[in-house]
Amino acid sequence: MNPPDDLTRAVEAVLFAATEPMTAEAIRAHLNDATGVREALDTVQALYAGRGIELVRRGDRWHFQTAADMAHLLRRDREEPRKLSRAGIETLAIIAYHEPATRAEIEAIRGVQISKGTIDVLMEAGWVRPAGRREVPGRPLLYATTPEFLVHFGLSSRRDLPGIDDLRAAGLLDPVDLAFEQLEVESSDEDD
């Protein structure tokens, strides 16, 4: 294999020194608007394929991470992160699957009011952000997920979110939800 060219080496150096995932445009800005950054990213990604670290793309951002099969070697005892409440998880899921969504839309889907701190916790975690205002009376605030949400959950884009069949197969659906779904199917069969 030929040694990498100067641009590829420069892209690798910028990403290695970065403290957070970077877009191709941000990398280009570090390199005096060099052309060919996207091709260099593909080259660096290929160079690190199958190694202990790898270059990954999450959304439109790139970063180095430990290869998944090596992560167990780096685990250390650490402080247990605070867990999200069920309301927080449901709210995050609704925003992720329906974004952008207003507080009223989230409450309509959940069937209950959101407590004041739920969206604040998601914003503090960096997973949700304000995304403008809906052009309706009252102009309610819209919420959407962030690039940090994609990075944290290991998604390239929102299209990688699991579908209903994936969730059912993993056993992640609430038995009550499954029972209601079965009742809906049975009642629609009786109507036919």
N, C-alpha and C. Protein backbone atom coordinates (compact mmCIF):
# COMPACT_ATOMS: atom_id res chain seq x y z
N MET A 1 0.85 -1.18 0.00
CA MET A 1 0.00 0.00 0.00
C MET A 1 0.89 1.24 0.00
N ASN A 2 0.56 2.18 -0.84
CA ASN A 2 1.34 3.42 -0.93
C ASN A 2 1.13 4.27 0.30
N PRO A 3 2.17 5.04 0.69
CA PRO A 3 1.97 5.94 1.83
C PRO A 3 0.93 6.99 1.48
N PRO A 4 0.16 7.45 2.48
CA PRO A 4 -0.88 8.44 2.20
C PRO A 4 -0.28 9.77 1.76
N ASP A 5 -1.04 10.50 0.95
CA ASP A 5 -0.58 11.81 0.49
C ASP A 5 -0.70 12.83 1.62
N ASP A 6 -0.18 14.04 1.39
CA ASP A 6 -0.16 15.08 2.43
C ASP A 6 -1.55 15.47 2.89
N LEU A 7 -2.52 15.56 1.96
CA LEU A 7 -3.88 15.94 2.35
C LEU A 7 -4.49 14.88 3.26
N THR A 8 -4.33 13.62 2.91
CA THR A 8 -4.86 12.53 3.73
C THR A 8 -4.23 12.56 5.12
N ARG A 9 -2.93 12.79 5.18
CA ARG A 9 -2.23 12.88 6.48
C ARG A 9 -2.74 14.07 7.28
N ALA A 10 -3.00 15.20 6.60
CA ALA A 10 -3.48 16.39 7.28
C ALA A 10 -4.88 16.16 7.85
N VAL A 11 -5.76 15.53 7.06
CA VAL A 11 -7.11 15.22 7.53
C VAL A 11 -7.03 14.30 8.74
N GLU A 12 -6.19 13.30 8.68
CA GLU A 12 -6.00 12.38 9.79
C GLU A 12 -5.53 13.13 11.03
N ALA A 13 -4.58 14.04 10.87
CA ALA A 13 -4.05 14.81 12.01
C ALA A 13 -5.12 15.70 12.63
N VAL A 14 -5.90 16.37 11.80
CA VAL A 14 -6.96 17.25 12.31
C VAL A 14 -7.97 16.43 13.11
N LEU A 15 -8.40 15.31 12.59
CA LEU A 15 -9.38 14.48 13.29
C LEU A 15 -8.80 13.88 14.57
N PHE A 16 -7.54 13.50 14.52
CA PHE A 16 -6.91 12.91 15.70
C PHE A 16 -6.83 13.92 16.84
N ALA A 17 -6.58 15.18 16.51
CA ALA A 17 -6.44 16.23 17.53
C ALA A 17 -7.78 16.83 17.95
N ALA A 18 -8.85 16.54 17.21
CA ALA A 18 -10.15 17.15 17.49
C ALA A 18 -10.71 16.66 18.83
N THR A 19 -11.36 17.56 19.54
CA THR A 19 -11.97 17.20 20.82
C THR A 19 -13.41 16.74 20.66
N GLU A 20 -13.97 16.92 19.47
CA GLU A 20 -15.35 16.51 19.20
C GLU A 20 -15.46 16.16 17.72
N PRO A 21 -16.51 15.41 17.33
CA PRO A 21 -16.69 15.06 15.92
C PRO A 21 -16.73 16.32 15.04
N MET A 22 -16.21 16.20 13.83
CA MET A 22 -16.10 17.36 12.93
C MET A 22 -16.78 17.08 11.59
N THR A 23 -17.34 18.13 11.01
CA THR A 23 -17.89 18.04 9.66
C THR A 23 -16.75 18.17 8.66
N ALA A 24 -17.00 17.73 7.43
CA ALA A 24 -16.00 17.88 6.37
C ALA A 24 -15.69 19.36 6.15
N GLU A 25 -16.70 20.21 6.29
CA GLU A 25 -16.49 21.65 6.10
C GLU A 25 -15.57 22.21 7.17
N ALA A 26 -15.73 21.76 8.42
CA ALA A 26 -14.86 22.23 9.50
C ALA A 26 -13.42 21.76 9.28
N ILE A 27 -13.27 20.53 8.81
CA ILE A 27 -11.93 20.02 8.51
C ILE A 27 -11.31 20.85 7.39
N ARG A 28 -12.10 21.11 6.35
CA ARG A 28 -11.64 21.91 5.22
C ARG A 28 -11.18 23.29 5.70
N ALA A 29 -11.93 23.90 6.63
CA ALA A 29 -11.56 25.21 7.16
C ALA A 29 -10.21 25.17 7.88
N HIS A 30 -9.93 24.06 8.59
CA HIS A 30 -8.63 23.91 9.26
C HIS A 30 -7.50 23.77 8.25
N LEU A 31 -7.83 23.34 7.08
CA LEU A 31 -6.80 23.07 6.04
C LEU A 31 -6.81 24.12 4.94
N ASN A 32 -7.17 25.36 5.32
CA ASN A 32 -7.16 26.49 4.38
C ASN A 32 -8.00 26.21 3.14
N ASP A 33 -9.20 25.68 3.35
CA ASP A 33 -10.16 25.39 2.28
C ASP A 33 -9.60 24.46 1.20
N ALA A 34 -8.86 23.45 1.64
CA ALA A 34 -8.30 22.47 0.71
C ALA A 34 -9.42 21.71 0.00
N THR A 35 -9.19 21.32 -1.22
CA THR A 35 -10.16 20.51 -1.96
C THR A 35 -9.79 19.04 -1.81
N GLY A 36 -10.79 18.18 -1.92
CA GLY A 36 -10.54 16.74 -1.83
C GLY A 36 -10.64 16.19 -0.42
N VAL A 37 -11.22 16.96 0.51
CA VAL A 37 -11.31 16.51 1.91
C VAL A 37 -12.19 15.27 2.02
N ARG A 38 -13.31 15.25 1.29
CA ARG A 38 -14.21 14.08 1.38
C ARG A 38 -13.51 12.81 0.89
N GLU A 39 -12.76 12.91 -0.18
CA GLU A 39 -12.02 11.75 -0.68
C GLU A 39 -10.96 11.33 0.34
N ALA A 40 -10.30 12.31 0.96
CA ALA A 40 -9.29 12.00 1.97
C ALA A 40 -9.93 11.32 3.17
N LEU A 41 -11.15 11.73 3.56
CA LEU A 41 -11.87 11.08 4.66
C LEU A 41 -12.13 9.61 4.33
N ASP A 42 -12.54 9.35 3.08
CA ASP A 42 -12.77 7.96 2.67
C ASP A 42 -11.48 7.15 2.73
N THR A 43 -10.37 7.78 2.33
CA THR A 43 -9.07 7.11 2.36
C THR A 43 -8.66 6.79 3.79
N VAL A 44 -8.82 7.77 4.71
CA VAL A 44 -8.47 7.55 6.11
C VAL A 44 -9.36 6.46 6.70
N GLN A 45 -10.64 6.49 6.36
CA GLN A 45 -11.56 5.47 6.87
C GLN A 45 -11.10 4.08 6.40
N ALA A 46 -10.69 3.97 5.15
CA ALA A 46 -10.21 2.68 4.63
C ALA A 46 -8.90 2.27 5.31
N LEU A 47 -8.02 3.24 5.59
CA LEU A 47 -6.74 2.93 6.24
C LEU A 47 -6.95 2.34 7.64
N TYR A 48 -7.97 2.79 8.33
CA TYR A 48 -8.21 2.34 9.70
C TYR A 48 -9.19 1.18 9.80
N ALA A 49 -9.75 0.74 8.70
CA ALA A 49 -10.70 -0.37 8.72
C ALA A 49 -10.01 -1.62 9.27
N GLY A 50 -10.66 -2.26 10.24
CA GLY A 50 -10.14 -3.50 10.81
C GLY A 50 -9.05 -3.31 11.85
N ARG A 51 -8.78 -2.06 12.24
CA ARG A 51 -7.74 -1.80 13.24
C ARG A 51 -8.38 -1.57 14.61
N GLY A 52 -7.57 -1.25 15.59
CA GLY A 52 -8.05 -1.04 16.95
C GLY A 52 -8.87 0.22 17.10
N ILE A 53 -8.63 1.19 16.26
CA ILE A 53 -9.48 2.37 16.21
C ILE A 53 -9.97 2.51 14.78
N GLU A 54 -11.07 3.21 14.62
CA GLU A 54 -11.64 3.37 13.29
C GLU A 54 -12.22 4.76 13.14
N LEU A 55 -12.26 5.22 11.91
CA LEU A 55 -12.88 6.50 11.61
C LEU A 55 -14.33 6.22 11.23
N VAL A 56 -15.26 6.87 11.94
CA VAL A 56 -16.67 6.64 11.69
C VAL A 56 -17.37 7.96 11.38
N ARG A 57 -18.45 7.85 10.65
CA ARG A 57 -19.28 9.00 10.32
C ARG A 57 -20.59 8.87 11.06
N ARG A 58 -20.97 9.89 11.79
CA ARG A 58 -22.24 9.95 12.50
C ARG A 58 -22.96 11.20 12.04
N GLY A 59 -24.02 11.02 11.28
CA GLY A 59 -24.68 12.18 10.67
C GLY A 59 -23.74 12.77 9.65
N ASP A 60 -23.42 14.05 9.77
CA ASP A 60 -22.47 14.67 8.84
C ASP A 60 -21.13 14.92 9.52
N ARG A 61 -20.90 14.28 10.67
CA ARG A 61 -19.67 14.50 11.44
C ARG A 61 -18.82 13.23 11.48
N TRP A 62 -17.51 13.43 11.53
CA TRP A 62 -16.54 12.34 11.53
C TRP A 62 -15.74 12.36 12.82
N HIS A 63 -15.38 11.16 13.33
CA HIS A 63 -14.50 11.08 14.49
C HIS A 63 -13.89 9.69 14.59
N PHE A 64 -12.77 9.62 15.32
CA PHE A 64 -12.15 8.34 15.61
C PHE A 64 -12.81 7.75 16.85
N GLN A 65 -12.97 6.43 16.85
CA GLN A 65 -13.49 5.74 18.03
C GLN A 65 -12.81 4.39 18.13
N THR A 66 -12.86 3.83 19.31
CA THR A 66 -12.33 2.49 19.52
C THR A 66 -13.19 1.50 18.73
N ALA A 67 -12.55 0.55 18.09
CA ALA A 67 -13.29 -0.48 17.37
C ALA A 67 -14.21 -1.19 18.36
N ALA A 68 -15.42 -1.49 17.92
CA ALA A 68 -16.44 -2.08 18.81
C ALA A 68 -15.95 -3.37 19.47
N ASP A 69 -15.20 -4.17 18.73
CA ASP A 69 -14.75 -5.45 19.30
C ASP A 69 -13.59 -5.28 20.28
N MET A 70 -13.05 -4.07 20.43
CA MET A 70 -11.97 -3.80 21.37
C MET A 70 -12.42 -2.98 22.58
N ALA A 71 -13.65 -2.50 22.56
CA ALA A 71 -14.14 -1.60 23.61
C ALA A 71 -14.08 -2.25 25.00
N HIS A 72 -14.29 -3.55 25.08
CA HIS A 72 -14.28 -4.22 26.38
C HIS A 72 -12.93 -4.10 27.09
N LEU A 73 -11.84 -3.92 26.33
CA LEU A 73 -10.51 -3.79 26.92
C LEU A 73 -10.33 -2.45 27.63
N LEU A 74 -11.14 -1.46 27.26
CA LEU A 74 -10.98 -0.12 27.80
C LEU A 74 -11.97 0.23 28.89
N ARG A 75 -12.88 -0.65 29.17
CA ARG A 75 -13.88 -0.36 30.19
C ARG A 75 -13.21 -0.23 31.56
N ARG A 76 -13.60 0.75 32.28
CA ARG A 76 -13.10 0.99 33.62
C ARG A 76 -14.31 1.22 34.54
N ASP A 77 -14.10 0.98 35.82
CA ASP A 77 -15.14 1.34 36.77
C ASP A 77 -15.28 2.84 36.75
N ARG A 78 -16.47 3.30 36.59
CA ARG A 78 -16.69 4.73 36.58
C ARG A 78 -18.04 5.03 37.20
N GLU A 79 -18.24 6.28 37.45
CA GLU A 79 -19.48 6.72 38.05
C GLU A 79 -20.65 6.36 37.13
N GLU A 80 -21.67 5.77 37.71
CA GLU A 80 -22.85 5.38 36.93
C GLU A 80 -23.58 6.63 36.45
N PRO A 81 -23.78 6.76 35.15
CA PRO A 81 -24.51 7.94 34.67
C PRO A 81 -25.96 7.91 35.14
N ARG A 82 -26.51 9.09 35.29
CA ARG A 82 -27.91 9.20 35.71
C ARG A 82 -28.80 8.64 34.60
N LYS A 83 -29.76 7.84 34.98
CA LYS A 83 -30.65 7.23 34.00
C LYS A 83 -31.81 8.17 33.70
N LEU A 84 -32.26 8.10 32.45
CA LEU A 84 -33.43 8.89 32.06
C LEU A 84 -34.69 8.24 32.63
N SER A 85 -35.63 9.07 33.00
CA SER A 85 -36.92 8.56 33.46
C SER A 85 -37.67 7.99 32.25
N ARG A 86 -38.70 7.23 32.51
CA ARG A 86 -39.52 6.70 31.42
C ARG A 86 -40.11 7.84 30.59
N ALA A 87 -40.53 8.91 31.26
CA ALA A 87 -41.06 10.08 30.55
C ALA A 87 -39.99 10.69 29.64
N GLY A 88 -38.76 10.73 30.13
CA GLY A 88 -37.65 11.27 29.33
C GLY A 88 -37.38 10.42 28.11
N ILE A 89 -37.39 9.11 28.29
CA ILE A 89 -37.15 8.19 27.17
C ILE A 89 -38.27 8.31 26.14
N GLU A 90 -39.51 8.34 26.62
CA GLU A 90 -40.65 8.46 25.70
C GLU A 90 -40.59 9.78 24.94
N THR A 91 -40.28 10.87 25.65
CA THR A 91 -40.20 12.19 25.01
C THR A 91 -39.10 12.20 23.97
N LEU A 92 -37.92 11.66 24.31
CA LEU A 92 -36.81 11.61 23.36
C LEU A 92 -37.19 10.79 22.12
N ALA A 93 -37.85 9.66 22.34
CA ALA A 93 -38.27 8.81 21.21
C ALA A 93 -39.27 9.54 20.31
N ILE A 94 -40.21 10.23 20.91
CA ILE A 94 -41.21 10.97 20.11
C ILE A 94 -40.53 12.05 19.29
N ILE A 95 -39.61 12.79 19.91
CA ILE A 95 -38.90 13.84 19.17
C ILE A 95 -38.08 13.22 18.04
N ALA A 96 -37.37 12.13 18.33
CA ALA A 96 -36.53 11.49 17.31
C ALA A 96 -37.34 10.98 16.13
N TYR A 97 -38.48 10.35 16.40
CA TYR A 97 -39.27 9.76 15.33
C TYR A 97 -40.18 10.76 14.63
N HIS A 98 -40.53 11.86 15.28
CA HIS A 98 -41.50 12.81 14.71
C HIS A 98 -40.94 14.21 14.51
N GLU A 99 -39.65 14.39 14.65
CA GLU A 99 -39.12 15.75 14.65
C GLU A 99 -39.38 16.48 13.34
N PRO A 100 -39.51 17.79 13.42
CA PRO A 100 -39.56 18.57 14.64
C PRO A 100 -40.94 18.46 15.27
N ALA A 101 -40.97 18.49 16.60
CA ALA A 101 -42.24 18.31 17.32
C ALA A 101 -42.39 19.39 18.39
N THR A 102 -43.62 19.83 18.60
CA THR A 102 -43.91 20.81 19.65
C THR A 102 -44.23 20.06 20.94
N ARG A 103 -44.23 20.78 22.05
CA ARG A 103 -44.59 20.20 23.34
C ARG A 103 -46.01 19.62 23.27
N ALA A 104 -46.94 20.35 22.65
CA ALA A 104 -48.32 19.88 22.55
C ALA A 104 -48.41 18.58 21.74
N GLU A 105 -47.63 18.47 20.66
CA GLU A 105 -47.63 17.24 19.86
C GLU A 105 -47.07 16.07 20.67
N ILE A 106 -46.01 16.33 21.43
CA ILE A 106 -45.43 15.28 22.27
C ILE A 106 -46.45 14.82 23.31
N GLU A 107 -47.13 15.78 23.94
CA GLU A 107 -48.13 15.44 24.94
C GLU A 107 -49.30 14.68 24.33
N ALA A 108 -49.69 15.04 23.11
CA ALA A 108 -50.80 14.33 22.45
C ALA A 108 -50.42 12.88 22.16
N ILE A 109 -49.19 12.64 21.76
CA ILE A 109 -48.75 11.28 21.47
C ILE A 109 -48.62 10.47 22.76
N ARG A 110 -48.02 11.08 23.80
CA ARG A 110 -47.84 10.38 25.08
C ARG A 110 -49.15 10.21 25.82
N GLY A 111 -50.09 11.14 25.64
CA GLY A 111 -51.35 11.07 26.35
C GLY A 111 -51.31 11.70 27.73
N VAL A 112 -50.20 12.27 28.10
CA VAL A 112 -50.05 12.97 29.39
C VAL A 112 -49.21 14.22 29.20
N GLN A 113 -49.30 15.12 30.17
CA GLN A 113 -48.50 16.33 30.11
C GLN A 113 -47.04 16.02 30.40
N ILE A 114 -46.15 16.80 29.78
CA ILE A 114 -44.71 16.66 30.04
C ILE A 114 -44.38 17.54 31.24
N SER A 115 -43.65 17.00 32.20
CA SER A 115 -43.24 17.85 33.31
C SER A 115 -42.22 18.86 32.81
N LYS A 116 -42.11 19.97 33.51
CA LYS A 116 -41.26 21.08 33.05
C LYS A 116 -39.82 20.66 32.79
N GLY A 117 -39.28 19.77 33.61
CA GLY A 117 -37.87 19.44 33.50
C GLY A 117 -37.50 18.40 32.47
N THR A 118 -38.46 17.70 31.90
CA THR A 118 -38.14 16.59 31.00
C THR A 118 -37.37 17.05 29.78
N ILE A 119 -37.87 18.05 29.09
CA ILE A 119 -37.16 18.54 27.90
C ILE A 119 -35.86 19.21 28.31
N ASP A 120 -35.85 19.87 29.47
CA ASP A 120 -34.61 20.50 29.96
C ASP A 120 -33.51 19.46 30.15
N VAL A 121 -33.84 18.30 30.72
CA VAL A 121 -32.86 17.23 30.93
C VAL A 121 -32.31 16.77 29.58
N LEU A 122 -33.19 16.61 28.58
CA LEU A 122 -32.76 16.17 27.25
C LEU A 122 -31.86 17.22 26.59
N MET A 123 -32.17 18.49 26.83
CA MET A 123 -31.34 19.56 26.27
C MET A 123 -29.99 19.62 26.98
N GLU A 124 -29.98 19.42 28.31
CA GLU A 124 -28.71 19.40 29.06
C GLU A 124 -27.83 18.25 28.61
N ALA A 125 -28.43 17.12 28.27
CA ALA A 125 -27.66 15.97 27.77
C ALA A 125 -27.12 16.24 26.37
N GLY A 126 -27.64 17.28 25.71
CA GLY A 126 -27.18 17.61 24.37
C GLY A 126 -27.86 16.82 23.27
N TRP A 127 -28.98 16.17 23.59
CA TRP A 127 -29.64 15.31 22.60
C TRP A 127 -30.79 16.00 21.89
N VAL A 128 -31.32 17.07 22.48
CA VAL A 128 -32.46 17.79 21.92
C VAL A 128 -32.13 19.27 21.89
N ARG A 129 -32.63 19.95 20.87
CA ARG A 129 -32.40 21.39 20.73
C ARG A 129 -33.67 22.05 20.22
N PRO A 130 -33.84 23.35 20.50
CA PRO A 130 -34.94 24.08 19.88
C PRO A 130 -34.69 24.16 18.37
N ALA A 131 -35.73 24.01 17.58
CA ALA A 131 -35.57 23.98 16.13
C ALA A 131 -36.51 24.96 15.44
N GLY A 132 -36.74 26.11 16.05
CA GLY A 132 -37.62 27.11 15.44
C GLY A 132 -38.99 27.08 16.07
N ARG A 133 -39.92 27.71 15.36
CA ARG A 133 -41.30 27.80 15.87
C ARG A 133 -42.26 27.38 14.76
N ARG A 134 -43.33 26.69 15.15
CA ARG A 134 -44.36 26.27 14.20
C ARG A 134 -45.17 27.51 13.82
N GLU A 135 -45.48 27.67 12.54
CA GLU A 135 -46.22 28.83 12.05
C GLU A 135 -47.73 28.62 12.22
N VAL A 136 -48.15 28.57 13.47
CA VAL A 136 -49.56 28.47 13.84
C VAL A 136 -49.80 29.47 14.98
N PRO A 137 -51.05 29.74 15.32
CA PRO A 137 -51.29 30.67 16.43
C PRO A 137 -50.55 30.24 17.69
N GLY A 138 -49.93 31.20 18.33
CA GLY A 138 -49.15 30.92 19.53
C GLY A 138 -47.69 30.61 19.22
N ARG A 139 -47.40 30.28 17.97
CA ARG A 139 -46.04 29.97 17.51
C ARG A 139 -45.25 29.11 18.51
N PRO A 140 -45.73 27.86 18.74
CA PRO A 140 -45.05 27.01 19.73
C PRO A 140 -43.65 26.62 19.26
N LEU A 141 -42.77 26.43 20.23
CA LEU A 141 -41.39 26.05 19.98
C LEU A 141 -41.33 24.61 19.47
N LEU A 142 -40.49 24.38 18.48
CA LEU A 142 -40.27 23.04 17.93
C LEU A 142 -38.99 22.46 18.52
N TYR A 143 -38.96 21.16 18.71
CA TYR A 143 -37.78 20.48 19.23
C TYR A 143 -37.32 19.42 18.23
N ALA A 144 -36.00 19.27 18.12
CA ALA A 144 -35.41 18.29 17.22
C ALA A 144 -34.19 17.67 17.90
N THR A 145 -33.72 16.54 17.38
CA THR A 145 -32.52 15.91 17.92
C THR A 145 -31.28 16.63 17.40
N THR A 146 -30.14 16.34 18.02
CA THR A 146 -28.88 16.99 17.68
C THR A 146 -27.89 15.98 17.10
N PRO A 147 -26.80 16.47 16.53
CA PRO A 147 -25.74 15.54 16.10
C PRO A 147 -25.19 14.71 17.27
N GLU A 148 -25.18 15.28 18.47
CA GLU A 148 -24.72 14.55 19.65
C GLU A 148 -25.63 13.35 19.95
N PHE A 149 -26.91 13.48 19.67
CA PHE A 149 -27.85 12.37 19.82
C PHE A 149 -27.41 11.21 18.92
N LEU A 150 -27.09 11.54 17.65
CA LEU A 150 -26.65 10.50 16.72
C LEU A 150 -25.36 9.84 17.21
N VAL A 151 -24.41 10.64 17.67
CA VAL A 151 -23.13 10.10 18.14
C VAL A 151 -23.35 9.21 19.35
N HIS A 152 -24.12 9.69 20.33
CA HIS A 152 -24.33 8.92 21.56
C HIS A 152 -24.98 7.57 21.30
N PHE A 153 -25.94 7.54 20.39
CA PHE A 153 -26.65 6.29 20.12
C PHE A 153 -26.08 5.52 18.94
N GLY A 154 -24.94 5.98 18.40
CA GLY A 154 -24.26 5.24 17.34
C GLY A 154 -25.03 5.18 16.04
N LEU A 155 -25.71 6.27 15.68
CA LEU A 155 -26.50 6.30 14.46
C LEU A 155 -25.83 7.18 13.41
N SER A 156 -25.91 6.79 12.16
CA SER A 156 -25.40 7.63 11.08
C SER A 156 -26.40 8.73 10.76
N SER A 157 -27.68 8.39 10.84
CA SER A 157 -28.74 9.36 10.60
C SER A 157 -29.99 8.86 11.32
N ARG A 158 -31.04 9.68 11.33
CA ARG A 158 -32.29 9.26 11.97
C ARG A 158 -32.92 8.07 11.24
N ARG A 159 -32.58 7.89 9.98
CA ARG A 159 -33.11 6.74 9.24
C ARG A 159 -32.65 5.42 9.84
N ASP A 160 -31.59 5.45 10.65
CA ASP A 160 -31.09 4.23 11.28
C ASP A 160 -31.84 3.86 12.56
N LEU A 161 -32.80 4.69 12.97
CA LEU A 161 -33.61 4.34 14.15
C LEU A 161 -34.36 3.04 13.87
N PRO A 162 -34.50 2.19 14.87
CA PRO A 162 -35.19 0.91 14.64
C PRO A 162 -36.67 1.12 14.34
N GLY A 163 -37.20 0.27 13.49
CA GLY A 163 -38.62 0.30 13.17
C GLY A 163 -39.40 -0.55 14.16
N ILE A 164 -40.71 -0.57 14.01
CA ILE A 164 -41.58 -1.30 14.94
C ILE A 164 -41.25 -2.79 14.95
N ASP A 165 -40.95 -3.37 13.77
CA ASP A 165 -40.62 -4.79 13.72
C ASP A 165 -39.31 -5.09 14.45
N ASP A 166 -38.32 -4.17 14.31
CA ASP A 166 -37.04 -4.34 15.01
C ASP A 166 -37.25 -4.29 16.52
N LEU A 167 -38.07 -3.35 16.98
CA LEU A 167 -38.33 -3.21 18.41
C LEU A 167 -39.07 -4.43 18.96
N ARG A 168 -40.03 -4.93 18.19
CA ARG A 168 -40.78 -6.11 18.61
C ARG A 168 -39.84 -7.32 18.70
N ALA A 169 -38.98 -7.48 17.70
CA ALA A 169 -38.05 -8.62 17.68
C ALA A 169 -37.07 -8.56 18.85
N ALA A 170 -36.69 -7.36 19.27
CA ALA A 170 -35.76 -7.21 20.38
C ALA A 170 -36.45 -7.30 21.73
N GLY A 171 -37.78 -7.40 21.73
CA GLY A 171 -38.52 -7.50 22.98
C GLY A 171 -38.59 -6.19 23.74
N LEU A 172 -38.47 -5.08 23.02
CA LEU A 172 -38.45 -3.77 23.67
C LEU A 172 -39.80 -3.08 23.73
N LEU A 173 -40.81 -3.69 23.17
CA LEU A 173 -42.13 -3.06 23.25
C LEU A 173 -42.82 -3.50 24.53
N ASP A 174 -43.51 -2.58 25.12
CA ASP A 174 -44.25 -2.81 26.36
C ASP A 174 -45.36 -3.83 26.08
N PRO A 175 -45.52 -4.85 26.91
CA PRO A 175 -46.58 -5.84 26.69
C PRO A 175 -47.96 -5.21 26.57
N VAL A 176 -48.19 -4.10 27.27
CA VAL A 176 -49.48 -3.42 27.17
C VAL A 176 -49.67 -2.88 25.75
N ASP A 177 -48.60 -2.28 25.19
CA ASP A 177 -48.67 -1.78 23.82
C ASP A 177 -48.97 -2.90 22.84
N LEU A 178 -48.32 -4.04 23.04
CA LEU A 178 -48.55 -5.19 22.15
C LEU A 178 -49.98 -5.69 22.27
N ALA A 179 -50.53 -5.68 23.48
CA ALA A 179 -51.91 -6.14 23.68
C ALA A 179 -52.88 -5.20 22.97
N PHE A 180 -52.67 -3.87 23.09
CA PHE A 180 -53.52 -2.91 22.40
C PHE A 180 -53.42 -3.09 20.89
N GLU A 181 -52.21 -3.31 20.40
CA GLU A 181 -52.02 -3.50 18.96
C GLU A 181 -52.78 -4.74 18.49
N GLN A 182 -52.71 -5.83 19.27
CA GLN A 182 -53.42 -7.06 18.92
C GLN A 182 -54.94 -6.83 18.92
N LEU A 183 -55.44 -6.07 19.89
CA LEU A 183 -56.88 -5.76 19.94
C LEU A 183 -57.30 -4.96 18.70
N GLU A 184 -56.46 -4.00 18.28
CA GLU A 184 -56.77 -3.21 17.09
C GLU A 184 -56.85 -4.10 15.86
N VAL A 185 -55.91 -5.05 15.75
CA VAL A 185 -55.91 -5.96 14.60
C VAL A 185 -57.16 -6.83 14.62
N GLU A 186 -57.51 -7.36 15.82
CA GLU A 186 -58.69 -8.23 15.92
C GLU A 186 -59.97 -7.45 15.63
N SER A 187 -60.08 -6.22 16.13
CA SER A 187 -61.30 -5.45 15.87
C SER A 187 -61.41 -5.05 14.42
N SER A 188 -60.29 -4.81 13.74
CA SER A 188 -60.36 -4.47 12.31
C SER A 188 -60.74 -5.71 11.50
N ASP A 189 -60.33 -6.90 11.97
CA ASP A 189 -60.72 -8.15 11.29
C ASP A 189 -62.22 -8.39 11.42
N GLU A 190 -62.78 -8.07 12.60
CA GLU A 190 -64.21 -8.27 12.82
C GLU A 190 -65.05 -7.30 12.00
N ASP A 191 -64.51 -6.08 11.76
CA ASP A 191 -65.24 -5.08 10.97
C ASP A 191 -65.32 -5.49 9.50
N ASP A 192 -64.37 -6.30 9.05
CA ASP A 192 -64.35 -6.70 7.63
C ASP A 192 -65.36 -7.69 7.33
